[in-house]
Protein backbone atom coordinates (compact mmCIF):
# COMPACT_ATOMS: atom_id res chain seq x y z
CA MET A 1 -2.83 5.03 -8.56
CA LEU A 2 -2.85 5.15 -12.34
CA LEU A 3 -6.50 6.17 -12.04
CA LEU A 4 -5.52 8.96 -9.64
CA ARG A 5 -3.43 10.39 -12.48
CA GLN A 6 -6.35 10.13 -14.93
CA SER A 7 -8.73 11.59 -12.37
CA SER A 8 -6.44 14.55 -11.77
CA ASN A 9 -6.44 15.34 -15.49
CA ARG A 10 -10.23 15.40 -15.47
CA ILE A 11 -10.22 17.70 -12.44
CA LYS A 12 -7.97 20.09 -14.29
CA GLN A 13 -10.22 20.08 -17.35
CA LYS A 14 -13.23 20.87 -15.14
CA ALA A 15 -11.55 23.61 -13.15
CA ALA A 16 -13.79 26.23 -14.74
CA ARG A 17 -16.80 24.67 -12.99
CA PRO A 18 -16.15 25.32 -9.29
CA GLN A 19 -19.68 24.52 -8.24
CA LYS A 20 -18.89 20.79 -8.46
CA ASP A 21 -15.84 19.67 -6.52
CA PRO A 22 -15.14 15.98 -7.24
CA ILE A 23 -13.13 15.69 -4.05
CA MET A 24 -16.12 16.70 -1.96
CA SER A 25 -18.90 15.04 -3.89
CA ASP A 26 -21.14 12.72 -1.90
CA SER A 27 -22.81 11.02 -4.78
CA SER A 28 -21.92 9.29 -7.97
CA SER A 29 -23.84 9.60 -11.17
CA GLY A 30 -23.00 6.05 -12.18
CA GLN A 31 -21.92 7.39 -15.58
CA GLY A 32 -18.26 6.39 -15.08
CA THR A 33 -16.06 4.69 -17.61
CA ILE A 34 -14.46 1.93 -15.51
CA GLY A 35 -16.16 -1.45 -15.48
CA PHE A 36 -15.91 -4.33 -13.01
CA TRP A 37 -12.71 -5.89 -14.31
CA GLY A 38 -11.06 -2.50 -14.63
CA VAL A 39 -11.75 -1.80 -10.95
CA VAL A 40 -10.52 -5.27 -9.96
CA ALA A 41 -7.31 -4.60 -11.88
CA ILE A 42 -6.79 -1.36 -9.94
CA GLY A 43 -7.13 -3.21 -6.63
CA ILE A 44 -4.89 -6.12 -7.64
CA GLY A 45 -2.34 -3.80 -9.19
CA GLY A 46 -2.29 -1.71 -6.02
CA MET A 47 -1.63 -4.72 -3.79
CA VAL A 48 0.67 -6.78 -6.00
CA GLY A 49 3.19 -3.99 -6.39
CA GLY A 50 6.54 -4.22 -4.70
CA GLY A 51 5.18 -5.46 -1.38
CA ILE A 52 5.29 -9.21 -1.99
CA PHE A 53 8.83 -8.99 -3.37
CA ALA A 54 9.96 -6.89 -0.42
CA VAL A 55 8.50 -8.80 2.52
CA LEU A 56 8.37 -12.46 1.42
CA GLY A 57 11.82 -13.26 2.80
CA LEU A 58 11.05 -11.41 6.03
CA ALA A 59 7.81 -13.38 6.35
CA VAL A 60 9.67 -16.70 6.11
CA VAL A 61 12.24 -15.58 8.68
CA LEU A 62 9.42 -14.69 11.10
CA ALA A 63 6.92 -17.51 10.46
CA GLY A 64 9.04 -20.39 9.13
CA GLY A 65 7.01 -23.14 7.50
CA ALA A 66 3.80 -21.37 8.57
CA THR A 67 4.42 -18.48 6.17
CA PRO A 68 1.31 -19.34 4.08
CA ILE A 69 -0.75 -19.12 7.29
CA ALA A 70 0.83 -15.75 8.11
CA PHE A 71 -0.28 -14.42 4.73
CA ALA A 72 -3.77 -15.88 5.29
CA ILE A 73 -4.04 -14.15 8.68
CA SER A 74 -3.02 -10.76 7.33
CA GLY A 75 -5.28 -11.38 4.33
CA PHE A 76 -8.25 -11.90 6.67
CA VAL A 77 -7.64 -8.46 8.18
CA ALA A 78 -7.60 -6.96 4.68
CA ALA A 79 -10.76 -8.85 3.67
CA VAL A 80 -12.78 -7.65 6.69
CA THR A 81 -11.58 -4.08 6.15
CA SER A 82 -12.54 -4.21 2.46
CA TYR A 83 -16.19 -4.45 3.60
CA SER A 84 -15.99 -1.01 5.20
CA TYR A 85 -14.18 0.43 2.19
CA ALA A 86 -16.81 -0.97 -0.16
CA LYS A 87 -19.70 0.51 1.83
CA LEU A 88 -18.02 3.89 2.31
CA SER A 89 -16.90 4.11 -1.33
CA VAL A 90 -20.47 3.60 -2.56
CA ARG A 91 -21.89 6.21 -0.17
CA TYR A 92 -19.07 8.77 -0.44
CA PRO A 93 -17.40 8.40 -3.86
CA SER A 94 -14.45 10.80 -3.90
CA GLU A 95 -10.90 11.21 -5.13
CA GLY A 96 -10.02 11.75 -1.47
CA GLY A 97 -10.87 8.13 -0.59
CA THR A 98 -9.62 7.37 2.92
CA VAL A 99 -9.18 11.06 3.72
CA THR A 100 -12.83 11.74 2.93
CA PHE A 101 -14.10 8.76 4.97
CA LEU A 102 -12.25 9.85 8.10
CA ASN A 103 -13.45 13.42 7.75
CA LYS A 104 -17.05 12.31 7.25
CA ALA A 105 -17.02 10.16 10.37
CA PHE A 106 -15.02 12.31 12.78
CA GLY A 107 -15.47 15.83 11.40
CA SER A 108 -13.01 18.67 11.58
CA GLY A 109 -10.61 18.07 14.42
CA ARG A 110 -7.14 17.10 15.52
CA LEU A 111 -7.92 13.36 15.42
CA THR A 112 -8.88 13.48 11.76
CA GLY A 113 -5.97 15.74 10.90
CA SER A 114 -3.47 13.50 12.68
CA LEU A 115 -4.81 10.39 10.94
CA ASN A 116 -4.61 12.05 7.53
CA VAL A 117 -1.01 13.09 8.15
CA LEU A 118 -0.25 9.53 9.33
CA LEU A 119 -1.74 8.24 6.06
CA TRP A 120 0.64 10.42 4.08
CA ILE A 121 3.62 9.25 6.17
CA SER A 122 2.54 5.62 5.72
CA TYR A 123 2.62 6.07 1.95
CA LEU A 124 6.13 7.54 2.27
CA VAL A 125 7.19 4.40 4.13
CA THR A 126 5.56 2.18 1.51
CA LEU A 127 7.42 4.03 -1.22
CA ALA A 128 10.68 3.40 0.64
CA LEU A 129 9.79 -0.28 0.94
CA TYR A 130 9.28 -0.58 -2.81
CA ALA A 131 12.56 1.23 -3.49
CA PHE A 132 14.36 -1.06 -1.03
CA ALA A 133 13.06 -4.13 -2.87
CA CYS A 134 13.95 -2.60 -6.24
CA GLY A 135 17.50 -2.03 -5.06
CA ASN A 136 17.86 -5.55 -3.66
CA TYR A 137 16.59 -7.32 -6.78
CA GLY A 138 18.50 -5.01 -9.11
CA ALA A 139 21.73 -5.65 -7.21
CA THR A 140 21.48 -9.39 -7.98
CA PHE A 141 22.63 -8.62 -11.54
CA PHE A 142 26.01 -7.50 -10.16
CA PRO A 143 28.82 -9.42 -8.39
CA PRO A 144 27.94 -10.33 -4.77
CA GLU A 145 30.71 -8.19 -3.30
CA GLN A 146 29.16 -5.14 -5.02
CA HIS A 147 25.55 -5.78 -3.94
CA THR A 148 25.47 -3.18 -1.17
CA PHE A 149 26.87 -0.44 -3.37
CA TRP A 150 24.55 -1.11 -6.29
CA LYS A 151 21.54 -1.53 -4.01
CA HIS A 152 21.85 2.05 -2.81
CA VAL A 153 22.62 3.32 -6.32
CA ILE A 154 19.46 1.68 -7.67
CA ILE A 155 17.34 2.91 -4.75
CA CYS A 156 18.43 6.51 -5.38
CA ALA A 157 18.15 6.21 -9.16
CA ALA A 158 14.63 4.79 -8.98
CA ILE A 159 13.22 7.38 -6.59
CA ILE A 160 14.96 10.38 -8.15
CA GLY A 161 14.30 9.19 -11.70
CA PHE A 162 10.57 8.74 -11.20
CA THR A 163 10.39 12.01 -9.29
CA ILE A 164 11.78 13.77 -12.37
CA ILE A 165 9.36 11.90 -14.63
CA ASN A 166 6.38 12.89 -12.49
CA ALA A 167 7.60 16.47 -12.15
CA SER A 168 7.96 16.79 -15.92
CA GLY A 169 4.42 15.61 -16.48
CA ALA A 170 5.53 12.68 -18.65
CA THR A 171 2.76 10.13 -19.15
CA PHE A 172 4.50 7.26 -20.93
CA VAL A 173 5.12 5.34 -17.69
CA GLY A 174 1.49 5.69 -16.68
CA ARG A 175 0.38 4.38 -20.06
CA ALA A 176 2.67 1.37 -19.64
CA GLU A 177 1.39 0.45 -16.17
CA LYS A 178 -1.46 -1.76 -17.37
CA ALA A 179 1.02 -3.84 -19.35
CA ILE A 180 3.40 -3.99 -16.39
CA VAL A 181 0.61 -5.22 -14.09
CA GLY A 182 -0.25 -7.94 -16.62
CA ILE A 183 3.37 -9.06 -16.98
CA LYS A 184 4.11 -9.30 -13.26
CA LEU A 185 0.87 -11.18 -12.55
CA ALA A 186 1.55 -13.59 -15.42
CA ILE A 187 5.06 -14.30 -14.12
CA LEU A 188 3.90 -14.77 -10.53
CA MET A 189 1.08 -17.11 -11.54
CA PHE A 190 3.42 -19.05 -13.85
CA VAL A 191 5.99 -19.53 -11.09
CA GLY A 192 3.25 -20.35 -8.59
CA VAL A 193 1.57 -23.02 -10.71
CA ILE A 194 4.81 -24.66 -11.85
CA GLY A 195 6.37 -24.46 -8.40
CA LEU A 196 3.48 -26.32 -6.74
CA TRP A 197 4.55 -29.49 -8.58
CA PHE A 198 8.00 -29.47 -6.98
CA ILE A 199 7.31 -28.60 -3.33
CA ASN A 200 8.58 -30.70 -0.44
CA LEU A 201 5.63 -30.96 1.95
CA GLN A 202 7.91 -31.76 4.89
CA ARG A 203 9.16 -28.16 4.74
CA LEU A 204 5.57 -27.04 5.43
CA ALA A 205 4.95 -29.47 8.30
CA PRO A 206 3.81 -28.09 11.71
CA ALA A 207 7.23 -28.93 13.13
CA THR A 208 8.64 -26.07 11.03
CA TRP A 209 6.08 -23.53 12.27
CA THR A 210 6.83 -20.76 14.71
CA LYS A 211 4.75 -20.26 17.87
CA PRO A 212 1.22 -18.77 17.57
CA ILE A 213 1.95 -15.25 18.88
CA PRO A 214 5.07 -14.73 16.71
CA LEU A 215 3.12 -16.22 13.80
CA ILE A 216 0.30 -13.68 14.15
CA ALA A 217 2.79 -10.86 14.71
CA GLY A 218 4.74 -12.00 11.65
CA GLY A 219 1.55 -11.84 9.60
CA MET A 220 1.00 -8.29 10.78
CA ILE A 221 4.55 -7.16 10.04
CA ILE A 222 4.02 -8.22 6.42
CA PHE A 223 0.50 -6.72 6.30
CA VAL A 224 1.91 -3.90 4.18
CA ALA A 225 1.91 -6.39 1.28
CA TYR A 226 -1.91 -6.04 1.20
CA GLU A 227 -1.83 -2.24 1.22
CA GLY A 228 -3.25 -1.04 -2.07
CA PHE A 229 -6.84 -2.31 -2.27
CA GLU A 230 -7.96 0.99 -0.74
CA LEU A 231 -6.91 2.74 -3.96
CA ILE A 232 -10.20 1.58 -5.45
CA ALA A 233 -11.87 4.20 -3.24
CA ASN A 234 -10.01 7.01 -5.00
CA THR A 235 -11.59 6.08 -8.34
CA ALA A 236 -15.19 5.58 -7.17
CA ASN A 237 -16.45 8.61 -9.11
CA ASP A 238 -15.26 7.01 -12.35
CA VAL A 239 -16.90 3.59 -11.89
CA LYS A 240 -19.89 2.31 -13.83
CA ASN A 241 -22.83 1.31 -11.63
CA PRO A 242 -20.76 1.82 -8.43
CA LYS A 243 -23.37 0.43 -6.02
CA LYS A 244 -23.05 -2.99 -7.62
CA THR A 245 -19.53 -2.84 -9.04
CA LEU A 246 -17.49 -1.51 -6.11
CA PRO A 247 -18.31 -4.17 -3.46
CA ARG A 248 -17.81 -7.03 -5.93
CA ALA A 249 -14.54 -5.52 -7.12
CA TYR A 250 -13.16 -5.06 -3.59
CA TYR A 251 -13.93 -8.65 -2.56
CA THR A 252 -12.70 -10.15 -5.82
CA ALA A 253 -9.41 -8.24 -5.77
CA VAL A 254 -8.64 -9.00 -2.11
CA GLY A 255 -9.68 -12.64 -2.45
CA PHE A 256 -7.53 -13.19 -5.53
CA VAL A 257 -4.46 -11.61 -3.90
CA ILE A 258 -4.88 -13.66 -0.70
CA LEU A 259 -4.91 -16.83 -2.80
CA LEU A 260 -1.95 -15.68 -4.89
CA TYR A 261 0.15 -14.80 -1.84
CA ILE A 262 -0.61 -18.12 -0.14
CA ILE A 263 0.44 -20.04 -3.27
CA ILE A 264 3.63 -17.99 -3.60
CA ALA A 265 4.42 -18.62 0.09
CA ILE A 266 3.84 -22.37 -0.31
CA VAL A 267 6.10 -22.49 -3.37
CA THR A 268 8.84 -20.50 -1.63
CA VAL A 269 8.90 -22.50 1.59
CA GLY A 270 8.28 -25.82 -0.16
CA ASN A 271 11.15 -25.47 -2.64
CA LEU A 272 13.95 -23.98 -0.57
CA PRO A 273 15.25 -24.79 2.95
CA LEU A 274 14.46 -22.12 5.53
CA ALA A 275 18.15 -21.41 6.09
CA LYS A 276 18.68 -20.66 2.40
CA ILE A 277 15.60 -18.43 2.29
CA ALA A 278 16.94 -16.50 5.28
CA ALA A 279 20.31 -16.13 3.54
CA ALA A 280 18.55 -14.79 0.43
CA GLN A 281 15.94 -12.82 2.40
CA ASP A 282 16.22 -9.71 0.24
CA TYR A 283 15.41 -11.62 -2.98
CA ALA A 284 13.73 -14.74 -1.57
CA LEU A 285 11.22 -15.32 -4.38
CA ALA A 286 13.91 -15.31 -7.07
CA ALA A 287 16.02 -17.71 -5.01
CA ALA A 288 13.00 -20.00 -4.52
CA ALA A 289 12.39 -20.19 -8.28
CA ARG A 290 15.92 -21.41 -9.00
CA PRO A 291 15.50 -25.06 -7.79
CA PHE A 292 12.75 -25.88 -10.33
CA LEU A 293 13.35 -23.29 -13.08
CA GLY A 294 17.13 -22.88 -12.83
CA HIS A 295 18.87 -19.59 -13.52
CA PHE A 296 16.06 -18.69 -15.94
CA GLY A 297 13.59 -18.73 -13.06
CA PHE A 298 15.83 -16.52 -10.95
CA VAL A 299 16.15 -14.00 -13.78
CA ILE A 300 12.47 -13.78 -14.71
CA ILE A 301 11.50 -13.24 -11.06
CA ALA A 302 14.18 -10.58 -10.69
CA VAL A 303 12.90 -8.87 -13.85
CA ALA A 304 9.30 -9.10 -12.61
CA ALA A 305 10.40 -7.60 -9.28
CA LEU A 306 12.11 -4.70 -11.04
CA LEU A 307 9.05 -4.04 -13.20
CA ALA A 308 6.69 -4.32 -10.23
CA THR A 309 8.71 -2.16 -7.88
CA CYS A 310 9.42 0.50 -10.49
CA SER A 311 5.75 0.81 -11.43
CA ALA A 312 4.86 0.85 -7.71
CA ILE A 313 7.45 3.57 -7.03
CA ASN A 314 6.05 5.67 -9.85
CA ALA A 315 2.44 5.20 -8.78
CA THR A 316 3.15 5.74 -5.08
CA LEU A 317 5.21 8.86 -5.75
CA TYR A 318 2.30 10.29 -7.67
CA GLY A 319 -0.32 9.09 -5.21
CA SER A 320 1.47 10.28 -2.06
CA ALA A 321 2.12 13.68 -3.62
CA ARG A 322 -1.58 13.85 -4.54
CA ILE A 323 -2.50 12.92 -0.98
CA SER A 324 -0.28 15.72 0.33
CA TYR A 325 -2.15 18.02 -2.09
CA ILE A 326 -5.55 16.86 -0.85
CA ILE A 327 -4.52 17.09 2.81
CA ALA A 328 -3.01 20.55 2.26
CA LYS A 329 -6.21 21.60 0.51
CA ASP A 330 -8.10 20.34 3.56
CA GLY A 331 -6.06 22.66 5.78
CA GLU A 332 -3.80 20.11 7.45
CA LEU A 333 -0.50 20.82 5.66
CA PRO A 334 1.07 24.06 4.35
CA ARG A 335 -0.63 25.77 1.41
CA GLN A 336 2.58 25.41 -0.61
CA LEU A 337 1.74 21.71 -1.00
CA GLU A 338 -1.45 22.70 -2.88
CA LYS A 339 0.42 24.52 -5.62
CA THR A 340 0.73 23.15 -9.14
CA THR A 341 2.58 24.79 -11.99
CA GLY A 342 1.91 25.21 -15.68
CA LYS A 343 0.10 22.39 -17.43
CA ASN A 344 1.31 19.78 -14.96
CA PRO A 345 -1.29 19.02 -12.25
CA MET A 346 1.39 17.48 -10.03
CA PRO A 347 1.98 19.42 -6.76
CA LEU A 348 5.75 19.86 -7.09
CA GLU A 349 6.53 20.81 -3.48
CA GLY A 350 4.75 17.72 -2.20
CA LEU A 351 6.56 15.60 -4.77
CA ILE A 352 9.98 16.90 -3.73
CA ILE A 353 9.29 16.40 -0.01
CA THR A 354 8.03 12.88 -0.74
CA CYS A 355 11.19 12.15 -2.73
CA VAL A 356 13.61 13.39 -0.06
CA LEU A 357 11.92 11.65 2.88
CA SER A 358 11.56 8.33 1.06
CA LEU A 359 15.24 8.45 0.05
CA LEU A 360 16.23 8.81 3.70
CA ILE A 361 13.99 5.96 4.85
CA ALA A 362 14.98 3.57 2.05
CA ASN A 363 18.73 4.14 2.44
CA PHE A 364 19.06 4.24 6.22
CA PHE A 365 16.37 1.88 7.56
CA HIS A 366 16.43 -1.93 7.45
CA ILE A 367 13.62 -3.89 5.79
CA ASP A 368 12.11 -5.12 9.08
CA ARG A 369 11.90 -1.56 10.42
CA ILE A 370 10.42 -0.22 7.17
CA SER A 371 7.87 -3.04 7.01
CA THR A 372 6.93 -2.61 10.68
CA MET A 373 6.40 1.13 10.18
CA GLY A 374 4.28 0.65 7.06
CA SER A 375 2.17 -2.17 8.49
CA ALA A 376 1.55 -0.37 11.79
CA GLY A 377 0.57 2.83 10.01
CA PHE A 378 -1.94 1.14 7.74
CA LEU A 379 -3.34 -1.10 10.50
CA LEU A 380 -4.12 2.01 12.54
CA ILE A 381 -5.60 3.82 9.54
CA PHE A 382 -7.69 0.79 8.55
CA ALA A 383 -8.91 0.40 12.15
CA MET A 384 -10.21 3.96 12.05
CA VAL A 385 -11.81 3.44 8.62
CA ASN A 386 -13.69 0.45 10.07
CA LEU A 387 -14.74 2.60 13.01
CA SER A 388 -15.82 5.29 10.55
CA ASN A 389 -18.08 2.79 8.85
CA ALA A 390 -19.53 1.71 12.19
CA ARG A 391 -20.31 5.35 13.07
CA LEU A 392 -21.86 5.94 9.64
CA HIS A 393 -23.62 2.58 9.32
CA LYS A 394 -27.07 4.15 8.84
CA GLU A 395 -25.81 6.26 5.94
CA THR A 396 -23.80 3.43 4.34
CA GLY A 397 -26.35 0.66 4.96
CA SER A 398 -23.67 -1.43 6.67
CA LYS A 399 -23.95 -4.18 9.22
CA ARG A 400 -22.43 -2.44 12.21
CA TRP A 401 -21.10 -5.65 13.77
CA VAL A 402 -18.98 -6.34 10.69
CA ALA A 403 -17.48 -2.85 10.87
CA TYR A 404 -16.77 -3.26 14.59
CA LEU A 405 -15.25 -6.68 13.87
CA GLY A 406 -12.89 -5.03 11.38
CA PHE A 407 -12.02 -2.36 13.93
CA ALA A 408 -11.30 -4.97 16.61
CA VAL A 409 -9.29 -7.22 14.29
CA CYS A 410 -7.10 -4.32 13.17
CA LEU A 411 -6.44 -3.26 16.77
CA ILE A 412 -5.67 -6.85 17.86
CA ALA A 413 -3.32 -7.20 14.90
CA LEU A 414 -1.63 -3.91 15.75
CA GLY A 415 -1.30 -5.01 19.38
CA ALA A 416 0.31 -8.31 18.34
CA LEU A 417 2.70 -6.41 16.09
CA ILE A 418 3.69 -4.03 18.88
CA CYS A 419 4.17 -6.87 21.43
CA GLN A 420 6.35 -8.90 19.08
CA THR A 421 8.36 -5.81 18.15
CA ALA A 422 8.90 -5.03 21.83
CA LEU A 423 10.22 -8.55 22.41
CA LYS A 424 12.38 -9.00 19.32
CA ALA A 425 13.34 -5.49 18.17
CA PRO A 426 12.47 -2.96 20.87
CA GLY A 427 14.37 -0.24 19.05
CA ASN A 428 11.72 -0.33 16.33
CA LEU A 429 9.11 0.81 18.84
CA TRP A 430 10.75 4.22 18.95
CA VAL A 431 10.27 4.47 15.21
CA LEU A 432 6.54 3.76 15.62
CA VAL A 433 6.26 6.28 18.44
CA ILE A 434 8.02 8.91 16.35
CA MET A 435 5.86 8.16 13.29
CA VAL A 436 2.53 8.34 15.17
CA GLY A 437 3.64 11.07 17.56
CA GLY A 438 5.06 13.09 14.67
CA SER A 439 1.69 12.93 12.88
CA VAL A 440 -0.08 14.30 15.94
CA LEU A 441 2.59 16.94 16.51
CA ILE A 442 2.48 18.15 12.90
CA GLU A 443 -1.30 18.49 13.10
CA VAL A 444 -1.44 20.17 16.51
CA VAL A 445 1.43 22.59 15.91
CA TYR A 446 0.46 23.49 12.36
CA ARG A 447 -3.22 23.96 13.17
CA GLY A 448 -2.31 25.99 16.26
CA ILE A 449 -0.06 28.30 14.25
CA THR A 450 -2.26 28.78 11.20
CA GLY A 451 -5.78 28.13 12.44
CA ARG A 452 -6.67 26.47 9.11
CA GLU A 453 -9.81 24.31 9.08
CA ILE A 454 -10.43 20.96 7.43
CA ARG A 455 -12.79 21.43 4.51
CA VAL A 456 -13.01 18.13 2.66
CA GLY A 457 -16.34 16.41 3.07
CA MET A 458 -17.70 19.31 5.09
CA LYS A 459 -18.96 21.43 2.24
CA LYS A 460 -22.71 21.59 1.66
CA HIS A 461 -24.15 21.22 -1.81
């Protein structure tokens, strides 16, 4: 999302040339400034944000000793979907990314509008997930009896603080994000490599695994940890030699993160009894580092979590507000969400709405409900992106069976998630119904009242 910020600055500088809208462009000149490793860093940075810190403990509670397999299953879904994103990004490079792909495949209609609104809501949920993790890890620096109080204080401070930073147009956090990504990856790889030497393999034995259906469902509940690779699509216009660079970057980024998550899961389960992980579910990775690195390990993981979640909160706040801007510009949300003020390209109304809604979700929803909402939202969106690629396979040069495979895998994963939720936490199903139904209702009611049309990707050049 750092590149979204840079891209928005370029859009502002080129505002005097309306004949070329970068959001609607269907081709890339290949004269971008971002090389292969830069694009890979965007994908890895998008995925390894606050997600792994937020859902690792939940994953162990759901999958037991099979947690590494749960991450591999959800990683497979991400890997298959990355094929469609790679093909679509090369054919339709655009700041709109997912929004553009859906509009290209399904045209102007209520289906597309509802999916785009669902995408925005899913980013709100993801933001809340990052803030929840930030609060939990930050609270570990205070006495245990004060954890709940400080968790909510930190959640509110993080969201409101970064909202103010984004609203003011400050750029120092954005400039620091590359360093933050490097630090958190270095810490995670350090803990992963060292921790592998101390694991107890008996804790990973099949006897500790959960049953197959709950295992698959558990992998889908934590799927939100892989959300982020799709951000590469939003920077496609700025990539050097995109036809060659984008596919390689997608597959490299997703492959690396799958491997990293599996190693982290092995280290966590192999170094700490399942009961202790469950007791420390909200900060499981820090607790798992303590047996082989002592208090130092706990602290460096907690610091890495704070850095990762704060940078993810900042980037997601900016990105979700930008998405609300793009969707409003398309005609699917009120025109007020298009407005920017002064020299700051940030749409302030969208930023404020994003802030308020994410505060409510992060403070009043439990981690399993937040994760279920986020994973379900992105599984549905990714299913439709795969279907988009199947419909556009002649234009994208894709193998249609791979796109249909991605579509089917996402739907199967979503079905497993819904079935498990119905069995274990049926109350969470209402949240999913409200989230999806609300997206459709917003689109239908708003379009019916205003009659606005979707424009992105529909403009002829």
